[in-house]
């Protein structure tokens, strides 16, 4: 889908929420690939006209390159990985890429969606989501010890999607050290890298517990 008009862009522009794990994940992808880009933080109450003109409803994050508008984080991330293949975020072989996509899908379904619900205003639903999130992470704790990164010897798309979730757990009432040593060690090691720190907004820094 393309935004209206013939306005030409010479660089990537990311429209991002100030505090959103989905937007944070794409900021991490851009940082990891070292891609120059314009970063526009969007107030959902007053979105830029040029952005909403290309959408039926506002969705963040959104990426614009010249006259191309993309949204949904997995679509954006895979586009960036194919458009700018170094360093790769998914394996080069078809089976490896399929498994990588499945891992990202499961992270979204099993951890991201419960996190968003746990931070919602419905207290009863939030409590149920928080418990489901806690149980799912504790059960998966051994996976964090399989390799240097999440299920991989190299940092990849799964890490880009996972780290913004783990960063927000204290704000959702979950302490990393209580979820298992593997999760805590993985998170702290990557949280403390200059690369990850550069992706944080002031609002996100305030979430650290």
C-alpha atoms as a PDB file:
ATOM      1  CA  UNK A   1       0.000   0.000   0.000  1.00  0.00           C
ATOM      2  CA  UNK A   2       1.307   3.449  -0.859  1.00  0.00           C
ATOM      3  CA  UNK A   3       0.594   6.764   0.842  1.00  0.00           C
ATOM      4  CA  UNK A   4      -1.228   9.317  -1.300  1.00  0.00           C
ATOM      5  CA  UNK A   5       0.581  11.768  -3.501  1.00  0.00           C
ATOM      6  CA  UNK A   6       3.916  11.531  -5.243  1.00  0.00           C
ATOM      7  CA  UNK A   7       6.080  12.650  -2.340  1.00  0.00           C
ATOM      8  CA  UNK A   8       9.475  11.000  -2.745  1.00  0.00           C
ATOM      9  CA  UNK A   9      11.519   9.914   0.245  1.00  0.00           C
ATOM     10  CA  UNK A  10      15.255   9.386   0.111  1.00  0.00           C
ATOM     11  CA  UNK A  11      15.477   7.565   3.448  1.00  0.00           C
ATOM     12  CA  UNK A  12      13.561   5.266   5.718  1.00  0.00           C
ATOM     13  CA  UNK A  13      11.077   6.881   8.071  1.00  0.00           C
ATOM     14  CA  UNK A  14       9.778   4.978  11.066  1.00  0.00           C
ATOM     15  CA  UNK A  15       6.598   6.170  12.729  1.00  0.00           C
ATOM     16  CA  UNK A  16       6.810   4.855  16.272  1.00  0.00           C
ATOM     17  CA  UNK A  17       4.867   4.956  19.504  1.00  0.00           C
ATOM     18  CA  UNK A  18       6.763   6.285  22.512  1.00  0.00           C
ATOM     19  CA  UNK A  19       6.119   3.158  24.570  1.00  0.00           C
ATOM     20  CA  UNK A  20       5.054   0.112  22.606  1.00  0.00           C
ATOM     21  CA  UNK A  21       6.859  -3.242  22.381  1.00  0.00           C
ATOM     22  CA  UNK A  22       5.957  -3.547  18.699  1.00  0.00           C
ATOM     23  CA  UNK A  23       7.456  -0.176  17.822  1.00  0.00           C
ATOM     24  CA  UNK A  24      10.422  -0.872  20.095  1.00  0.00           C
ATOM     25  CA  UNK A  25      11.126  -4.117  18.223  1.00  0.00           C
ATOM     26  CA  UNK A  26      11.413  -2.314  14.885  1.00  0.00           C
ATOM     27  CA  UNK A  27      13.628   0.372  16.395  1.00  0.00           C
ATOM     28  CA  UNK A  28      15.866  -2.479  17.542  1.00  0.00           C
ATOM     29  CA  UNK A  29      15.894  -4.020  14.048  1.00  0.00           C
ATOM     30  CA  UNK A  30      16.933  -0.689  12.527  1.00  0.00           C
ATOM     31  CA  UNK A  31      19.632  -0.213  15.159  1.00  0.00           C
ATOM     32  CA  UNK A  32      20.953  -3.744  14.713  1.00  0.00           C
ATOM     33  CA  UNK A  33      21.264  -3.274  10.970  1.00  0.00           C
ATOM     34  CA  UNK A  34      22.732   0.201  11.393  1.00  0.00           C
ATOM     35  CA  UNK A  35      20.197   1.717   9.006  1.00  0.00           C
ATOM     36  CA  UNK A  36      19.967   5.526   8.829  1.00  0.00           C
ATOM     37  CA  UNK A  37      16.366   6.598   9.218  1.00  0.00           C
ATOM     38  CA  UNK A  38      14.090   9.383  10.320  1.00  0.00           C
ATOM     39  CA  UNK A  39      12.277   8.556  13.534  1.00  0.00           C
ATOM     40  CA  UNK A  40       8.892  10.153  14.132  1.00  0.00           C
ATOM     41  CA  UNK A  41       7.170   9.590  17.465  1.00  0.00           C
ATOM     42  CA  UNK A  42       3.423   9.640  16.983  1.00  0.00           C
ATOM     43  CA  UNK A  43       0.741  10.839  19.360  1.00  0.00           C
ATOM     44  CA  UNK A  44      -2.199   8.550  18.487  1.00  0.00           C
ATOM     45  CA  UNK A  45      -4.553  11.418  19.291  1.00  0.00           C
ATOM     46  CA  UNK A  46      -2.898  13.617  16.652  1.00  0.00           C
ATOM     47  CA  UNK A  47      -1.280  11.360  14.034  1.00  0.00           C
ATOM     48  CA  UNK A  48       0.523  12.927  11.070  1.00  0.00           C
ATOM     49  CA  UNK A  49      -1.936  13.443   8.190  1.00  0.00           C
ATOM     50  CA  UNK A  50       0.459  11.886   5.683  1.00  0.00           C
ATOM     51  CA  UNK A  51       0.490   8.686   7.733  1.00  0.00           C
ATOM     52  CA  UNK A  52      -3.231   8.180   8.333  1.00  0.00           C
ATOM     53  CA  UNK A  53      -3.981   9.036   4.704  1.00  0.00           C
ATOM     54  CA  UNK A  54      -2.390   5.723   3.708  1.00  0.00           C
ATOM     55  CA  UNK A  55      -4.262   3.627   6.297  1.00  0.00           C
ATOM     56  CA  UNK A  56      -7.844   2.732   7.061  1.00  0.00           C
ATOM     57  CA  UNK A  57      -6.911   2.956  10.776  1.00  0.00           C
ATOM     58  CA  UNK A  58      -3.756   4.090  12.529  1.00  0.00           C
ATOM     59  CA  UNK A  59      -1.331   1.203  13.116  1.00  0.00           C
ATOM     60  CA  UNK A  60       2.060   1.603  14.761  1.00  0.00           C
ATOM     61  CA  UNK A  61       4.831   1.019  14.005  1.00  0.00           C
ATOM     62  CA  UNK A  62       4.710   2.075  10.365  1.00  0.00           C
ATOM     63  CA  UNK A  63       7.638   2.280   7.972  1.00  0.00           C
ATOM     64  CA  UNK A  64       7.852   4.477   4.902  1.00  0.00           C
ATOM     65  CA  UNK A  65      10.501   4.142   2.217  1.00  0.00           C
ATOM     66  CA  UNK A  66       9.943   6.591  -0.628  1.00  0.00           C
ATOM     67  CA  UNK A  67       6.338   5.879  -1.662  1.00  0.00           C
ATOM     68  CA  UNK A  68       5.946   2.539   0.119  1.00  0.00           C
ATOM     69  CA  UNK A  69       4.082   2.307   3.416  1.00  0.00           C
ATOM     70  CA  UNK A  70       4.326  -0.837   5.550  1.00  0.00           C
ATOM     71  CA  UNK A  71       2.901  -1.696   8.933  1.00  0.00           C
ATOM     72  CA  UNK A  72       2.695  -4.681  11.290  1.00  0.00           C
ATOM     73  CA  UNK A  73       6.076  -5.398  12.912  1.00  0.00           C
ATOM     74  CA  UNK A  74       6.695  -8.840  11.426  1.00  0.00           C
ATOM     75  CA  UNK A  75       6.044  -7.532   7.909  1.00  0.00           C
ATOM     76  CA  UNK A  76       8.312  -4.528   8.473  1.00  0.00           C
ATOM     77  CA  UNK A  77      11.073  -6.631   9.997  1.00  0.00           C
ATOM     78  CA  UNK A  78      11.076  -9.195   7.199  1.00  0.00           C
ATOM     79  CA  UNK A  79      11.029  -6.450   4.572  1.00  0.00           C
ATOM     80  CA  UNK A  80      14.057  -4.803   6.185  1.00  0.00           C
ATOM     81  CA  UNK A  81      15.838  -8.145   6.408  1.00  0.00           C
ATOM     82  CA  UNK A  82      15.338  -8.822   2.716  1.00  0.00           C
ATOM     83  CA  UNK A  83      15.987  -5.239   1.634  1.00  0.00           C
ATOM     84  CA  UNK A  84      19.114  -4.890   3.788  1.00  0.00           C
ATOM     85  CA  UNK A  85      20.402  -8.449   4.309  1.00  0.00           C
ATOM     86  CA  UNK A  86      23.400  -7.736   6.556  1.00  0.00           C
ATOM     87  CA  UNK A  87      23.453  -8.773   9.278  1.00  0.00           C
ATOM     88  CA  UNK A  88      20.767 -11.375   8.568  1.00  0.00           C
ATOM     89  CA  UNK A  89      17.947 -11.704  11.082  1.00  0.00           C
ATOM     90  CA  UNK A  90      16.645 -15.018   9.730  1.00  0.00           C
ATOM     91  CA  UNK A  91      18.602 -18.053   8.459  1.00  0.00           C
ATOM     92  CA  UNK A  92      19.334 -18.265   4.744  1.00  0.00           C
ATOM     93  CA  UNK A  93      17.811 -21.702   4.134  1.00  0.00           C
ATOM     94  CA  UNK A  94      14.028 -22.099   3.628  1.00  0.00           C
ATOM     95  CA  UNK A  95      13.517 -24.458   6.572  1.00  0.00           C
ATOM     96  CA  UNK A  96      15.553 -22.261   8.892  1.00  0.00           C
ATOM     97  CA  UNK A  97      13.601 -19.179   7.832  1.00  0.00           C
ATOM     98  CA  UNK A  98      10.308 -20.985   8.354  1.00  0.00           C
ATOM     99  CA  UNK A  99      11.351 -22.049  11.840  1.00  0.00           C
ATOM    100  CA  UNK A 100      12.507 -18.519  12.605  1.00  0.00           C
ATOM    101  CA  UNK A 101       9.158 -17.103  11.492  1.00  0.00           C
ATOM    102  CA  UNK A 102       7.332 -19.675  13.608  1.00  0.00           C
ATOM    103  CA  UNK A 103       9.400 -18.698  16.659  1.00  0.00           C
ATOM    104  CA  UNK A 104       8.524 -15.030  16.156  1.00  0.00           C
ATOM    105  CA  UNK A 105       4.850 -15.914  15.695  1.00  0.00           C
ATOM    106  CA  UNK A 106       4.845 -17.882  18.946  1.00  0.00           C
ATOM    107  CA  UNK A 107       6.579 -15.041  20.797  1.00  0.00           C
ATOM    108  CA  UNK A 108       3.829 -12.730  19.613  1.00  0.00           C
ATOM    109  CA  UNK A 109       0.950 -15.069  20.435  1.00  0.00           C
ATOM    110  CA  UNK A 110       2.195 -16.538  23.702  1.00  0.00           C
ATOM    111  CA  UNK A 111       4.061 -13.607  25.266  1.00  0.00           C
ATOM    112  CA  UNK A 112       3.345 -10.304  23.503  1.00  0.00           C
ATOM    113  CA  UNK A 113      -0.437 -10.544  23.488  1.00  0.00           C
ATOM    114  CA  UNK A 114      -0.628 -11.556  27.187  1.00  0.00           C
ATOM    115  CA  UNK A 115       1.766  -8.724  28.057  1.00  0.00           C
ATOM    116  CA  UNK A 116      -0.461  -6.185  26.327  1.00  0.00           C
ATOM    117  CA  UNK A 117      -3.489  -7.587  28.143  1.00  0.00           C
ATOM    118  CA  UNK A 118      -1.622  -7.592  31.472  1.00  0.00           C
ATOM    119  CA  UNK A 119      -0.996  -3.862  31.036  1.00  0.00           C
ATOM    120  CA  UNK A 120      -4.635  -3.164  30.190  1.00  0.00           C
ATOM    121  CA  UNK A 121      -7.290  -1.456  32.271  1.00  0.00           C
ATOM    122  CA  UNK A 122      -9.461  -4.540  32.883  1.00  0.00           C
ATOM    123  CA  UNK A 123      -8.030  -5.722  36.187  1.00  0.00           C
ATOM    124  CA  UNK A 124      -9.508  -9.209  36.086  1.00  0.00           C
ATOM    125  CA  UNK A 125      -8.335  -9.843  32.522  1.00  0.00           C
ATOM    126  CA  UNK A 126      -4.942  -8.327  33.354  1.00  0.00           C
ATOM    127  CA  UNK A 127      -4.459 -10.691  36.290  1.00  0.00           C
ATOM    128  CA  UNK A 128      -5.305 -13.723  34.167  1.00  0.00           C
ATOM    129  CA  UNK A 129      -2.982 -12.573  31.393  1.00  0.00           C
ATOM    130  CA  UNK A 130      -0.165 -11.900  33.865  1.00  0.00           C
ATOM    131  CA  UNK A 131      -0.434 -15.400  35.290  1.00  0.00           C
ATOM    132  CA  UNK A 132      -0.543 -16.950  31.810  1.00  0.00           C
ATOM    133  CA  UNK A 133       2.512 -14.919  30.845  1.00  0.00           C
ATOM    134  CA  UNK A 134       4.391 -15.901  33.991  1.00  0.00           C
ATOM    135  CA  UNK A 135       3.575 -19.595  33.553  1.00  0.00           C
ATOM    136  CA  UNK A 136       4.524 -19.582  29.890  1.00  0.00           C
ATOM    137  CA  UNK A 137       7.876 -17.941  30.519  1.00  0.00           C
ATOM    138  CA  UNK A 138       8.763 -20.167  33.454  1.00  0.00           C
ATOM    139  CA  UNK A 139       7.933 -23.251  31.394  1.00  0.00           C
ATOM    140  CA  UNK A 140      10.087 -21.956  28.522  1.00  0.00           C
ATOM    141  CA  UNK A 141      13.042 -20.917  30.698  1.00  0.00           C
ATOM    142  CA  UNK A 142      15.307 -23.787  29.475  1.00  0.00           C
ATOM    143  CA  UNK A 143      15.044 -22.413  25.919  1.00  0.00           C
ATOM    144  CA  UNK A 144      16.950 -19.330  27.014  1.00  0.00           C
ATOM    145  CA  UNK A 145      19.962 -21.484  27.845  1.00  0.00           C
ATOM    146  CA  UNK A 146      20.148 -23.409  24.566  1.00  0.00           C
ATOM    147  CA  UNK A 147      22.335 -20.883  22.742  1.00  0.00           C
ATOM    148  CA  UNK A 148      23.989 -17.498  23.128  1.00  0.00           C
ATOM    149  CA  UNK A 149      20.864 -15.805  21.767  1.00  0.00           C
ATOM    150  CA  UNK A 150      17.278 -17.055  21.713  1.00  0.00           C
ATOM    151  CA  UNK A 151      17.508 -20.505  20.099  1.00  0.00           C
ATOM    152  CA  UNK A 152      20.371 -19.289  17.914  1.00  0.00           C
ATOM    153  CA  UNK A 153      24.133 -18.696  18.058  1.00  0.00           C
ATOM    154  CA  UNK A 154      23.552 -15.320  16.362  1.00  0.00           C
ATOM    155  CA  UNK A 155      21.246 -12.470  17.239  1.00  0.00           C
ATOM    156  CA  UNK A 156      18.132 -12.548  15.110  1.00  0.00           C
ATOM    157  CA  UNK A 157      14.564 -11.479  14.617  1.00  0.00           C
ATOM    158  CA  UNK A 158      13.350 -13.483  17.613  1.00  0.00           C
ATOM    159  CA  UNK A 159      15.633 -11.463  19.904  1.00  0.00           C
ATOM    160  CA  UNK A 160      14.432  -8.192  18.371  1.00  0.00           C
ATOM    161  CA  UNK A 161      10.838  -9.125  19.156  1.00  0.00           C
ATOM    162  CA  UNK A 162      11.549 -10.721  22.528  1.00  0.00           C
ATOM    163  CA  UNK A 163      13.728  -8.127  24.257  1.00  0.00           C
ATOM    164  CA  UNK A 164      11.095  -5.336  24.249  1.00  0.00           C
ATOM    165  CA  UNK A 165       8.694  -7.790  25.905  1.00  0.00           C
ATOM    166  CA  UNK A 166      11.155  -8.769  28.627  1.00  0.00           C
ATOM    167  CA  UNK A 167      12.032  -5.114  29.258  1.00  0.00           C
ATOM    168  CA  UNK A 168       8.394  -4.406  30.101  1.00  0.00           C
ATOM    169  CA  UNK A 169       7.838  -7.328  32.463  1.00  0.00           C
ATOM    170  CA  UNK A 170       8.652  -5.403  35.680  1.00  0.00           C
ATOM    171  CA  UNK A 171       6.052  -2.781  34.724  1.00  0.00           C
ATOM    172  CA  UNK A 172       3.569  -5.635  34.258  1.00  0.00           C
ATOM    173  CA  UNK A 173       4.306  -6.956  37.753  1.00  0.00           C
ATOM    174  CA  UNK A 174       6.730  -9.747  36.820  1.00  0.00           C
ATOM    175  CA  UNK A 175      10.310  -9.840  38.100  1.00  0.00           C
ATOM    176  CA  UNK A 176      12.807 -11.353  35.711  1.00  0.00           C
ATOM    177  CA  UNK A 177      14.859 -13.043  38.422  1.00  0.00           C
ATOM    178  CA  UNK A 178      11.754 -14.914  39.577  1.00  0.00           C
ATOM    179  CA  UNK A 179      11.177 -16.388  36.112  1.00  0.00           C
ATOM    180  CA  UNK A 180      14.403 -18.367  36.102  1.00  0.00           C
ATOM    181  CA  UNK A 181      18.138 -17.838  35.903  1.00  0.00           C
ATOM    182  CA  UNK A 182      18.243 -18.422  32.147  1.00  0.00           C
ATOM    183  CA  UNK A 183      15.730 -15.691  31.363  1.00  0.00           C
ATOM    184  CA  UNK A 184      17.304 -13.226  33.777  1.00  0.00           C
ATOM    185  CA  UNK A 185      20.832 -13.819  32.486  1.00  0.00           C
ATOM    186  CA  UNK A 186      19.771 -13.559  28.835  1.00  0.00           C
ATOM    187  CA  UNK A 187      17.813 -10.361  29.434  1.00  0.00           C
ATOM    188  CA  UNK A 188      20.390  -8.569  31.563  1.00  0.00           C
ATOM    189  CA  UNK A 189      23.244  -9.407  29.202  1.00  0.00           C
ATOM    190  CA  UNK A 190      21.438  -7.893  26.220  1.00  0.00           C
ATOM    191  CA  UNK A 191      19.749  -5.049  28.091  1.00  0.00           C
ATOM    192  CA  UNK A 192      23.179  -3.762  29.082  1.00  0.00           C
ATOM    193  CA  UNK A 193      24.519  -3.534  25.536  1.00  0.00           C
ATOM    194  CA  UNK A 194      24.943  -0.022  24.081  1.00  0.00           C
ATOM    195  CA  UNK A 195      22.897  -1.139  21.064  1.00  0.00           C
ATOM    196  CA  UNK A 196      19.820  -1.971  23.114  1.00  0.00           C
ATOM    197  CA  UNK A 197      20.186   1.106  25.296  1.00  0.00           C
ATOM    198  CA  UNK A 198      20.131   3.328  22.207  1.00  0.00           C
ATOM    199  CA  UNK A 199      16.701   1.979  21.257  1.00  0.00           C
ATOM    200  CA  UNK A 200      15.005   3.126  24.472  1.00  0.00           C
ATOM    201  CA  UNK A 201      12.852   6.225  24.747  1.00  0.00           C
ATOM    202  CA  UNK A 202      12.705   8.131  28.036  1.00  0.00           C
ATOM    203  CA  UNK A 203       9.281   6.596  28.649  1.00  0.00           C
ATOM    204  CA  UNK A 204      10.699   3.121  28.181  1.00  0.00           C
ATOM    205  CA  UNK A 205      13.684   3.768  30.418  1.00  0.00           C
ATOM    206  CA  UNK A 206      11.246   4.585  33.190  1.00  0.00           C
ATOM    207  CA  UNK A 207       9.825   1.047  32.956  1.00  0.00           C
ATOM    208  CA  UNK A 208      13.001  -0.589  34.260  1.00  0.00           C
ATOM    209  CA  UNK A 209      12.373  -2.354  37.523  1.00  0.00           C
END
